[in-house]
Amino acid sequence: MRLMNEAKFQIGQIVRHRLFSFRGVIFDVDPEFNNTEEWYNSIPAEARPRKDQPYYHLLAENDETEYVAYVSEQNLLEDETRDPVRHPQVRDYFAGFDSKKKQYKLKDKRAH
């Protein structure tokens, strides 16, 4: 029997990419890679992350724009600023920002 990968980060947590200049809030988690082979193969072979780890869906932002990103756990770090993100879709997924915990609270209708 294969054990499920346990996610290091949680929905609502603010993270940043280890290599690239963007950050975001997690709105979903896959226990292992669950995207297309075309997407995976578009990553240069020497930089491709393992498939057997959690992958995170982020409402992401950089200095110029906001977008949705799909990132492997090995490429994420906790965001030290823990400041809210400005992504326009945040209100679609989250009920608000908990300033004490420094993370977002998932809307009840979105919770699993």
N, C-alpha and C. Protein backbone atom coordinates (compact mmCIF):
# COMPACT_ATOMS: atom_id res chain seq x y z
N MET A 1 0.84 -1.17 0.00
CA MET A 1 0.00 0.00 0.00
C MET A 1 0.89 1.25 0.00
N ARG A 2 0.54 2.22 -0.83
CA ARG A 2 1.31 3.45 -0.93
C ARG A 2 0.72 4.50 0.03
N LEU A 3 1.60 5.15 0.76
CA LEU A 3 1.15 6.20 1.69
C LEU A 3 0.98 7.52 0.94
N MET A 4 -0.01 8.30 1.36
CA MET A 4 -0.23 9.62 0.78
C MET A 4 0.89 10.56 1.23
N ASN A 5 1.29 11.46 0.34
CA ASN A 5 2.27 12.46 0.70
C ASN A 5 1.60 13.48 1.61
N GLU A 6 2.24 13.79 2.70
CA GLU A 6 1.71 14.79 3.61
C GLU A 6 2.22 16.16 3.20
N ALA A 7 1.30 17.10 3.04
CA ALA A 7 1.65 18.45 2.60
C ALA A 7 2.32 19.23 3.73
N LYS A 8 3.38 19.92 3.39
CA LYS A 8 4.11 20.76 4.35
C LYS A 8 3.37 22.08 4.58
N PHE A 9 2.71 22.58 3.54
CA PHE A 9 2.00 23.85 3.60
C PHE A 9 0.50 23.59 3.57
N GLN A 10 -0.28 24.59 3.96
CA GLN A 10 -1.73 24.40 4.03
C GLN A 10 -2.48 25.46 3.24
N ILE A 11 -3.72 25.16 2.92
CA ILE A 11 -4.57 26.10 2.21
C ILE A 11 -4.73 27.36 3.06
N GLY A 12 -4.57 28.51 2.41
CA GLY A 12 -4.65 29.80 3.09
C GLY A 12 -3.30 30.36 3.48
N GLN A 13 -2.27 29.53 3.43
CA GLN A 13 -0.92 29.97 3.81
C GLN A 13 -0.28 30.75 2.68
N ILE A 14 0.51 31.75 3.04
CA ILE A 14 1.21 32.57 2.06
C ILE A 14 2.64 32.04 1.92
N VAL A 15 3.03 31.77 0.68
CA VAL A 15 4.33 31.18 0.38
C VAL A 15 5.01 31.97 -0.73
N ARG A 16 6.29 31.68 -0.90
CA ARG A 16 7.02 32.28 -2.02
C ARG A 16 7.80 31.18 -2.73
N HIS A 17 8.13 31.45 -3.99
CA HIS A 17 8.90 30.48 -4.78
C HIS A 17 10.36 30.55 -4.38
N ARG A 18 10.98 29.40 -4.30
CA ARG A 18 12.38 29.29 -3.89
C ARG A 18 13.34 29.92 -4.91
N LEU A 19 13.02 29.84 -6.19
CA LEU A 19 13.93 30.30 -7.23
C LEU A 19 13.48 31.56 -7.95
N PHE A 20 12.17 31.71 -8.12
CA PHE A 20 11.65 32.83 -8.89
C PHE A 20 10.97 33.85 -7.99
N SER A 21 10.89 35.06 -8.48
CA SER A 21 10.41 36.18 -7.71
C SER A 21 8.90 36.30 -7.72
N PHE A 22 8.22 35.35 -7.06
CA PHE A 22 6.78 35.50 -6.88
C PHE A 22 6.35 34.84 -5.59
N ARG A 23 5.20 35.28 -5.13
CA ARG A 23 4.60 34.76 -3.90
C ARG A 23 3.12 34.57 -4.14
N GLY A 24 2.45 33.91 -3.21
CA GLY A 24 1.02 33.72 -3.38
C GLY A 24 0.40 33.00 -2.22
N VAL A 25 -0.92 32.85 -2.29
CA VAL A 25 -1.67 32.14 -1.26
C VAL A 25 -2.13 30.81 -1.85
N ILE A 26 -1.99 29.75 -1.07
CA ILE A 26 -2.39 28.41 -1.52
C ILE A 26 -3.91 28.28 -1.46
N PHE A 27 -4.52 27.85 -2.59
CA PHE A 27 -5.97 27.63 -2.59
C PHE A 27 -6.35 26.18 -2.85
N ASP A 28 -5.39 25.33 -3.18
CA ASP A 28 -5.65 23.90 -3.35
C ASP A 28 -4.32 23.16 -3.31
N VAL A 29 -4.39 21.86 -2.98
CA VAL A 29 -3.19 21.02 -2.88
C VAL A 29 -3.47 19.68 -3.54
N ASP A 30 -2.54 19.23 -4.37
CA ASP A 30 -2.57 17.87 -4.92
C ASP A 30 -1.53 17.05 -4.18
N PRO A 31 -1.85 15.84 -3.72
CA PRO A 31 -0.88 15.04 -2.98
C PRO A 31 0.34 14.65 -3.81
N GLU A 32 0.19 14.66 -5.14
CA GLU A 32 1.31 14.46 -6.06
C GLU A 32 0.95 15.14 -7.37
N PHE A 33 1.90 15.19 -8.28
CA PHE A 33 1.70 15.88 -9.55
C PHE A 33 0.39 15.45 -10.21
N ASN A 34 -0.40 16.44 -10.64
CA ASN A 34 -1.69 16.16 -11.27
C ASN A 34 -1.98 17.21 -12.34
N ASN A 35 -1.02 17.37 -13.23
CA ASN A 35 -1.16 18.30 -14.34
C ASN A 35 -0.84 17.51 -15.61
N THR A 36 -0.77 18.17 -16.75
CA THR A 36 -0.52 17.47 -18.00
C THR A 36 0.96 17.17 -18.20
N GLU A 37 1.22 16.15 -18.98
CA GLU A 37 2.62 15.82 -19.33
C GLU A 37 3.22 16.96 -20.15
N GLU A 38 2.41 17.59 -20.96
CA GLU A 38 2.90 18.73 -21.76
C GLU A 38 3.41 19.84 -20.83
N TRP A 39 2.64 20.14 -19.78
CA TRP A 39 3.07 21.16 -18.81
C TRP A 39 4.38 20.73 -18.15
N TYR A 40 4.44 19.48 -17.70
CA TYR A 40 5.63 18.97 -17.01
C TYR A 40 6.86 19.00 -17.92
N ASN A 41 6.68 18.57 -19.16
CA ASN A 41 7.80 18.52 -20.10
C ASN A 41 8.24 19.90 -20.59
N SER A 42 7.44 20.92 -20.34
CA SER A 42 7.84 22.28 -20.72
C SER A 42 8.90 22.84 -19.76
N ILE A 43 9.07 22.19 -18.62
CA ILE A 43 10.10 22.58 -17.66
C ILE A 43 11.42 21.96 -18.12
N PRO A 44 12.50 22.74 -18.18
CA PRO A 44 13.79 22.15 -18.60
C PRO A 44 14.13 20.94 -17.72
N ALA A 45 14.62 19.87 -18.34
CA ALA A 45 14.88 18.60 -17.66
C ALA A 45 15.72 18.77 -16.40
N GLU A 46 16.72 19.63 -16.46
CA GLU A 46 17.61 19.81 -15.30
C GLU A 46 16.92 20.53 -14.13
N ALA A 47 15.78 21.15 -14.39
CA ALA A 47 15.07 21.89 -13.34
C ALA A 47 13.74 21.24 -12.96
N ARG A 48 13.38 20.13 -13.60
CA ARG A 48 12.09 19.49 -13.33
C ARG A 48 12.02 18.92 -11.92
N PRO A 49 10.97 19.31 -11.18
CA PRO A 49 10.79 18.74 -9.84
C PRO A 49 10.25 17.32 -9.92
N ARG A 50 10.41 16.58 -8.85
CA ARG A 50 9.86 15.23 -8.77
C ARG A 50 8.34 15.29 -8.83
N LYS A 51 7.72 14.25 -9.33
CA LYS A 51 6.26 14.18 -9.39
C LYS A 51 5.66 13.64 -8.09
N ASP A 52 6.44 12.92 -7.32
CA ASP A 52 5.93 12.23 -6.13
C ASP A 52 5.99 13.08 -4.87
N GLN A 53 5.49 14.28 -4.97
CA GLN A 53 5.45 15.22 -3.84
C GLN A 53 4.21 16.08 -4.00
N PRO A 54 3.77 16.74 -2.94
CA PRO A 54 2.62 17.64 -3.08
C PRO A 54 2.91 18.78 -4.07
N TYR A 55 1.86 19.15 -4.78
CA TYR A 55 1.88 20.31 -5.68
C TYR A 55 0.78 21.26 -5.24
N TYR A 56 1.07 22.54 -5.30
CA TYR A 56 0.19 23.56 -4.75
C TYR A 56 -0.33 24.49 -5.85
N HIS A 57 -1.62 24.81 -5.74
CA HIS A 57 -2.25 25.79 -6.62
C HIS A 57 -2.21 27.12 -5.87
N LEU A 58 -1.61 28.12 -6.48
CA LEU A 58 -1.44 29.43 -5.83
C LEU A 58 -2.15 30.53 -6.60
N LEU A 59 -2.73 31.45 -5.86
CA LEU A 59 -3.11 32.75 -6.41
C LEU A 59 -1.84 33.57 -6.25
N ALA A 60 -1.10 33.68 -7.34
CA ALA A 60 0.27 34.20 -7.28
C ALA A 60 0.36 35.64 -7.78
N GLU A 61 1.46 36.28 -7.38
CA GLU A 61 1.74 37.65 -7.81
C GLU A 61 3.24 37.89 -7.83
N ASN A 62 3.63 38.77 -8.74
CA ASN A 62 5.00 39.30 -8.72
C ASN A 62 4.87 40.82 -8.77
N ASP A 63 5.94 41.51 -9.03
CA ASP A 63 5.88 42.98 -9.03
C ASP A 63 5.00 43.55 -10.14
N GLU A 64 4.76 42.74 -11.19
CA GLU A 64 4.06 43.25 -12.36
C GLU A 64 2.61 42.78 -12.52
N THR A 65 2.29 41.57 -12.05
CA THR A 65 0.98 41.01 -12.37
C THR A 65 0.53 39.95 -11.37
N GLU A 66 -0.70 39.50 -11.53
CA GLU A 66 -1.25 38.41 -10.72
C GLU A 66 -1.64 37.28 -11.67
N TYR A 67 -1.53 36.04 -11.19
CA TYR A 67 -1.84 34.88 -12.02
C TYR A 67 -2.01 33.66 -11.12
N VAL A 68 -2.36 32.52 -11.72
CA VAL A 68 -2.46 31.26 -11.00
C VAL A 68 -1.21 30.44 -11.32
N ALA A 69 -0.60 29.87 -10.29
CA ALA A 69 0.61 29.07 -10.47
C ALA A 69 0.40 27.67 -9.89
N TYR A 70 1.14 26.72 -10.42
CA TYR A 70 1.13 25.32 -9.96
C TYR A 70 2.57 24.99 -9.61
N VAL A 71 2.86 24.77 -8.32
CA VAL A 71 4.25 24.69 -7.87
C VAL A 71 4.48 23.47 -6.98
N SER A 72 5.61 22.80 -7.19
CA SER A 72 5.99 21.66 -6.37
C SER A 72 6.41 22.12 -4.98
N GLU A 73 6.22 21.24 -4.01
CA GLU A 73 6.58 21.58 -2.63
C GLU A 73 8.05 21.95 -2.50
N GLN A 74 8.93 21.24 -3.21
CA GLN A 74 10.36 21.50 -3.09
C GLN A 74 10.74 22.91 -3.53
N ASN A 75 9.87 23.58 -4.28
CA ASN A 75 10.17 24.93 -4.75
C ASN A 75 9.45 26.03 -3.98
N LEU A 76 8.86 25.69 -2.85
CA LEU A 76 8.16 26.69 -2.05
C LEU A 76 8.82 26.88 -0.69
N LEU A 77 8.73 28.10 -0.22
CA LEU A 77 9.18 28.48 1.12
C LEU A 77 8.08 29.32 1.76
N GLU A 78 8.03 29.33 3.07
CA GLU A 78 7.09 30.22 3.75
C GLU A 78 7.50 31.66 3.44
N ASP A 79 6.53 32.50 3.16
CA ASP A 79 6.80 33.91 2.88
C ASP A 79 7.05 34.63 4.20
N GLU A 80 8.24 35.20 4.34
CA GLU A 80 8.60 35.85 5.61
C GLU A 80 7.76 37.08 5.91
N THR A 81 7.32 37.79 4.87
CA THR A 81 6.53 39.00 5.12
C THR A 81 5.16 38.64 5.66
N ARG A 82 4.61 37.55 5.15
CA ARG A 82 3.28 37.07 5.53
C ARG A 82 2.21 38.14 5.36
N ASP A 83 2.49 39.12 4.51
CA ASP A 83 1.52 40.17 4.19
C ASP A 83 0.46 39.60 3.26
N PRO A 84 -0.76 40.16 3.29
CA PRO A 84 -1.80 39.70 2.37
C PRO A 84 -1.36 39.85 0.92
N VAL A 85 -1.94 39.06 0.03
CA VAL A 85 -1.64 39.18 -1.41
C VAL A 85 -2.73 40.04 -2.05
N ARG A 86 -2.42 40.59 -3.20
CA ARG A 86 -3.36 41.51 -3.86
C ARG A 86 -4.15 40.84 -4.98
N HIS A 87 -4.00 39.55 -5.17
CA HIS A 87 -4.64 38.83 -6.27
C HIS A 87 -6.16 39.07 -6.25
N PRO A 88 -6.76 39.42 -7.40
CA PRO A 88 -8.19 39.73 -7.42
C PRO A 88 -9.12 38.55 -7.12
N GLN A 89 -8.65 37.31 -7.22
CA GLN A 89 -9.49 36.15 -6.96
C GLN A 89 -9.48 35.71 -5.50
N VAL A 90 -8.73 36.37 -4.65
CA VAL A 90 -8.67 35.99 -3.24
C VAL A 90 -10.06 35.91 -2.63
N ARG A 91 -10.92 36.88 -2.95
CA ARG A 91 -12.27 36.92 -2.38
C ARG A 91 -13.15 35.77 -2.88
N ASP A 92 -12.79 35.15 -3.99
CA ASP A 92 -13.55 34.00 -4.50
C ASP A 92 -13.33 32.75 -3.63
N TYR A 93 -12.18 32.65 -3.00
CA TYR A 93 -11.80 31.45 -2.25
C TYR A 93 -11.78 31.63 -0.74
N PHE A 94 -11.51 32.86 -0.30
CA PHE A 94 -11.27 33.07 1.13
C PHE A 94 -12.24 34.08 1.73
N ALA A 95 -12.58 33.83 3.01
CA ALA A 95 -13.52 34.69 3.75
C ALA A 95 -12.83 35.92 4.31
N GLY A 96 -11.53 35.88 4.45
CA GLY A 96 -10.80 37.01 4.99
C GLY A 96 -9.40 36.61 5.39
N PHE A 97 -8.65 37.59 5.86
CA PHE A 97 -7.26 37.40 6.26
C PHE A 97 -7.18 37.48 7.77
N ASP A 98 -6.63 36.46 8.40
CA ASP A 98 -6.45 36.44 9.85
C ASP A 98 -5.11 37.10 10.17
N SER A 99 -5.15 38.32 10.67
CA SER A 99 -3.92 39.07 10.89
C SER A 99 -3.06 38.49 12.02
N LYS A 100 -3.66 37.73 12.92
CA LYS A 100 -2.87 37.10 13.98
C LYS A 100 -2.13 35.87 13.45
N LYS A 101 -2.83 35.04 12.70
CA LYS A 101 -2.22 33.82 12.14
C LYS A 101 -1.44 34.13 10.86
N LYS A 102 -1.71 35.29 10.29
CA LYS A 102 -1.07 35.72 9.04
C LYS A 102 -1.37 34.75 7.90
N GLN A 103 -2.64 34.33 7.81
CA GLN A 103 -3.06 33.50 6.70
C GLN A 103 -4.54 33.72 6.42
N TYR A 104 -4.99 33.21 5.27
CA TYR A 104 -6.37 33.37 4.86
C TYR A 104 -7.24 32.24 5.38
N LYS A 105 -8.52 32.56 5.62
CA LYS A 105 -9.50 31.57 6.06
C LYS A 105 -10.36 31.20 4.85
N LEU A 106 -10.37 29.90 4.52
CA LEU A 106 -11.13 29.41 3.39
C LEU A 106 -12.62 29.62 3.61
N LYS A 107 -13.33 30.02 2.56
CA LYS A 107 -14.78 30.18 2.64
C LYS A 107 -15.39 28.81 2.95
N ASP A 108 -16.45 28.78 3.72
CA ASP A 108 -17.11 27.52 4.09
C ASP A 108 -17.51 26.71 2.85
N LYS A 109 -18.02 27.35 1.83
CA LYS A 109 -18.48 26.63 0.66
C LYS A 109 -17.32 26.01 -0.13
N ARG A 110 -16.10 26.45 0.10
CA ARG A 110 -14.93 25.92 -0.59
C ARG A 110 -14.23 24.81 0.20
N ALA A 111 -14.51 24.71 1.51
CA ALA A 111 -13.87 23.71 2.35
C ALA A 111 -14.30 22.31 1.93
N HIS A 112 -13.38 21.37 2.01
CA HIS A 112 -13.66 19.97 1.63
C HIS A 112 -14.35 19.26 2.75
